Every structure is written in structure tokens, then in C-alpha cells.
């Protein structure tokens, strides 16, 4: 997928949703290496308060923040995930 395709998808979705809403979501499909999938699955199995959506959202926020994104919502998500502790499985 090229960058222009991604931008067109965002423009189409912006017309149908409130772009300023803090609860706006965009559906995303991606292929990842099997080793990452298995690692994510093992993590989720041992941390019941996490699901695949929270893991991927947290990973994306971390990547964006660490690579210079200065959007307040991204920074807030990064810091929330950084300082929240999951309870171990019982």
C-alpha cells in the first residue's frame, strides 16, 4: 500500500465521521510476521485486561511518540500505557 492510498482512505472516512471526536476509529488491516502475532497472542493470554486492539493501539502510539509525533492525543495514549500496570493473570 502506498502513502497516497492511505491518505485517500482517511479523506473518505473523514467525510463520514467527526474528525475531532476523541472516539473516532479507523479500521486497519495489516500483515505482520508470525513471530509477532505469536508474541502478541502469548501476551494477551497472560494479561486478560489487554486485547489485540489495545496492544496494537499502544504499539502504534509508542512508535509515533518516539519518532517525533507531537499530537496531544498520541502523547496521552503513550503515557497512559507507559504508566498503567496490568494485573497478572490469576
C-alpha atoms as a PDB file:
ATOM      1  CA  UNK A   1       0.000   0.000   0.000  1.00  0.00           C
ATOM      2  CA  UNK A   2       1.369   3.392  -0.881  1.00  0.00           C
ATOM      3  CA  UNK A   3       1.045   6.575   1.164  1.00  0.00           C
ATOM      4  CA  UNK A   4      -1.452   8.125  -1.267  1.00  0.00           C
ATOM      5  CA  UNK A   5      -3.805   5.176  -0.837  1.00  0.00           C
ATOM      6  CA  UNK A   6      -3.703   5.609   2.938  1.00  0.00           C
ATOM      7  CA  UNK A   7      -4.406   9.335   2.629  1.00  0.00           C
ATOM      8  CA  UNK A   8      -7.398   8.682   0.335  1.00  0.00           C
ATOM      9  CA  UNK A   9      -8.817   6.236   2.887  1.00  0.00           C
ATOM     10  CA  UNK A  10      -8.501   8.809   5.655  1.00  0.00           C
ATOM     11  CA  UNK A  11     -10.151  11.504   3.498  1.00  0.00           C
ATOM     12  CA  UNK A  12     -13.092   9.206   2.733  1.00  0.00           C
ATOM     13  CA  UNK A  13     -13.586   8.328   6.406  1.00  0.00           C
ATOM     14  CA  UNK A  14     -13.272  11.971   7.488  1.00  0.00           C
ATOM     15  CA  UNK A  15     -16.394  12.784   5.484  1.00  0.00           C
ATOM     16  CA  UNK A  16     -18.478  10.207   7.339  1.00  0.00           C
ATOM     17  CA  UNK A  17     -17.182  10.785  10.879  1.00  0.00           C
ATOM     18  CA  UNK A  18     -16.421  13.745  13.094  1.00  0.00           C
ATOM     19  CA  UNK A  19     -12.638  14.089  12.676  1.00  0.00           C
ATOM     20  CA  UNK A  20     -12.337  15.925  16.008  1.00  0.00           C
ATOM     21  CA  UNK A  21     -14.184  13.265  18.003  1.00  0.00           C
ATOM     22  CA  UNK A  22     -11.992  11.562  20.581  1.00  0.00           C
ATOM     23  CA  UNK A  23     -13.918   8.336  19.950  1.00  0.00           C
ATOM     24  CA  UNK A  24     -13.365   8.145  16.187  1.00  0.00           C
ATOM     25  CA  UNK A  25     -11.915   4.859  14.978  1.00  0.00           C
ATOM     26  CA  UNK A  26     -10.424   3.739  11.697  1.00  0.00           C
ATOM     27  CA  UNK A  27     -10.423   0.089  10.723  1.00  0.00           C
ATOM     28  CA  UNK A  28      -6.961  -1.184   9.837  1.00  0.00           C
ATOM     29  CA  UNK A  29      -5.810  -4.396   8.214  1.00  0.00           C
ATOM     30  CA  UNK A  30      -2.141  -5.338   8.224  1.00  0.00           C
ATOM     31  CA  UNK A  31       0.045  -8.359   7.654  1.00  0.00           C
ATOM     32  CA  UNK A  32       2.576  -8.970  10.412  1.00  0.00           C
ATOM     33  CA  UNK A  33       5.274 -11.601  10.825  1.00  0.00           C
ATOM     34  CA  UNK A  34       4.029 -14.770  12.505  1.00  0.00           C
ATOM     35  CA  UNK A  35       6.543 -14.383  15.339  1.00  0.00           C
ATOM     36  CA  UNK A  36       4.965 -11.003  16.264  1.00  0.00           C
ATOM     37  CA  UNK A  37       1.485 -12.500  16.111  1.00  0.00           C
ATOM     38  CA  UNK A  38       2.501 -15.373  18.391  1.00  0.00           C
ATOM     39  CA  UNK A  39       4.186 -12.970  20.802  1.00  0.00           C
ATOM     40  CA  UNK A  40       1.059 -10.793  20.903  1.00  0.00           C
ATOM     41  CA  UNK A  41      -1.143 -13.867  21.417  1.00  0.00           C
ATOM     42  CA  UNK A  42       1.028 -15.106  24.299  1.00  0.00           C
ATOM     43  CA  UNK A  43       0.995 -11.639  25.894  1.00  0.00           C
ATOM     44  CA  UNK A  44      -2.796 -11.354  25.635  1.00  0.00           C
ATOM     45  CA  UNK A  45      -3.243 -14.854  27.059  1.00  0.00           C
ATOM     46  CA  UNK A  46      -1.233 -13.901  30.139  1.00  0.00           C
ATOM     47  CA  UNK A  47      -2.682 -10.366  30.518  1.00  0.00           C
ATOM     48  CA  UNK A  48      -6.501 -10.611  30.443  1.00  0.00           C
ATOM     49  CA  UNK A  49      -7.018  -6.837  30.648  1.00  0.00           C
ATOM     50  CA  UNK A  50      -5.349  -6.434  27.228  1.00  0.00           C
ATOM     51  CA  UNK A  51      -6.783  -7.364  23.831  1.00  0.00           C
ATOM     52  CA  UNK A  52      -5.374  -7.185  20.305  1.00  0.00           C
ATOM     53  CA  UNK A  53      -6.823  -3.712  19.751  1.00  0.00           C
ATOM     54  CA  UNK A  54      -5.233  -2.273  22.882  1.00  0.00           C
ATOM     55  CA  UNK A  55      -1.861  -3.911  22.097  1.00  0.00           C
ATOM     56  CA  UNK A  56      -1.744  -2.574  18.538  1.00  0.00           C
ATOM     57  CA  UNK A  57      -3.007   0.863  19.555  1.00  0.00           C
ATOM     58  CA  UNK A  58      -0.400   1.060  22.307  1.00  0.00           C
ATOM     59  CA  UNK A  59       2.378  -0.082  19.959  1.00  0.00           C
ATOM     60  CA  UNK A  60       1.382   2.487  17.339  1.00  0.00           C
ATOM     61  CA  UNK A  61       1.189   5.303  19.904  1.00  0.00           C
ATOM     62  CA  UNK A  62       4.621   4.314  21.225  1.00  0.00           C
ATOM     63  CA  UNK A  63       6.129   4.281  17.738  1.00  0.00           C
ATOM     64  CA  UNK A  64       4.620   7.656  16.805  1.00  0.00           C
ATOM     65  CA  UNK A  65       5.616   9.324  20.068  1.00  0.00           C
ATOM     66  CA  UNK A  66       9.185   8.015  19.932  1.00  0.00           C
ATOM     67  CA  UNK A  67       9.529   9.202  16.339  1.00  0.00           C
ATOM     68  CA  UNK A  68       8.554  12.806  16.955  1.00  0.00           C
ATOM     69  CA  UNK A  69       4.757  12.945  16.739  1.00  0.00           C
ATOM     70  CA  UNK A  70       3.609  15.847  18.901  1.00  0.00           C
ATOM     71  CA  UNK A  71      -0.150  15.248  18.745  1.00  0.00           C
ATOM     72  CA  UNK A  72      -1.595  15.584  22.254  1.00  0.00           C
ATOM     73  CA  UNK A  73      -3.833  12.504  21.942  1.00  0.00           C
ATOM     74  CA  UNK A  74      -0.907  10.326  20.851  1.00  0.00           C
ATOM     75  CA  UNK A  75       1.237  11.586  23.726  1.00  0.00           C
ATOM     76  CA  UNK A  76      -1.590  10.988  26.194  1.00  0.00           C
ATOM     77  CA  UNK A  77      -2.131   7.426  24.941  1.00  0.00           C
ATOM     78  CA  UNK A  78       1.610   6.709  25.075  1.00  0.00           C
ATOM     79  CA  UNK A  79       1.943   7.979  28.659  1.00  0.00           C
ATOM     80  CA  UNK A  80      -1.254   6.237  29.831  1.00  0.00           C
ATOM     81  CA  UNK A  81       0.019   2.909  28.522  1.00  0.00           C
ATOM     82  CA  UNK A  82       3.521   3.524  29.837  1.00  0.00           C
ATOM     83  CA  UNK A  83       2.368   4.073  33.408  1.00  0.00           C
ATOM     84  CA  UNK A  84      -0.558   1.647  33.604  1.00  0.00           C
ATOM     85  CA  UNK A  85       0.267  -1.741  35.020  1.00  0.00           C
ATOM     86  CA  UNK A  86      -1.686  -4.835  34.018  1.00  0.00           C
ATOM     87  CA  UNK A  87      -2.637  -7.189  36.795  1.00  0.00           C
ATOM     88  CA  UNK A  88      -1.036 -10.623  36.424  1.00  0.00           C
ATOM     89  CA  UNK A  89      -3.341 -13.474  35.495  1.00  0.00           C
ATOM     90  CA  UNK A  90      -4.674 -15.399  38.464  1.00  0.00           C
END
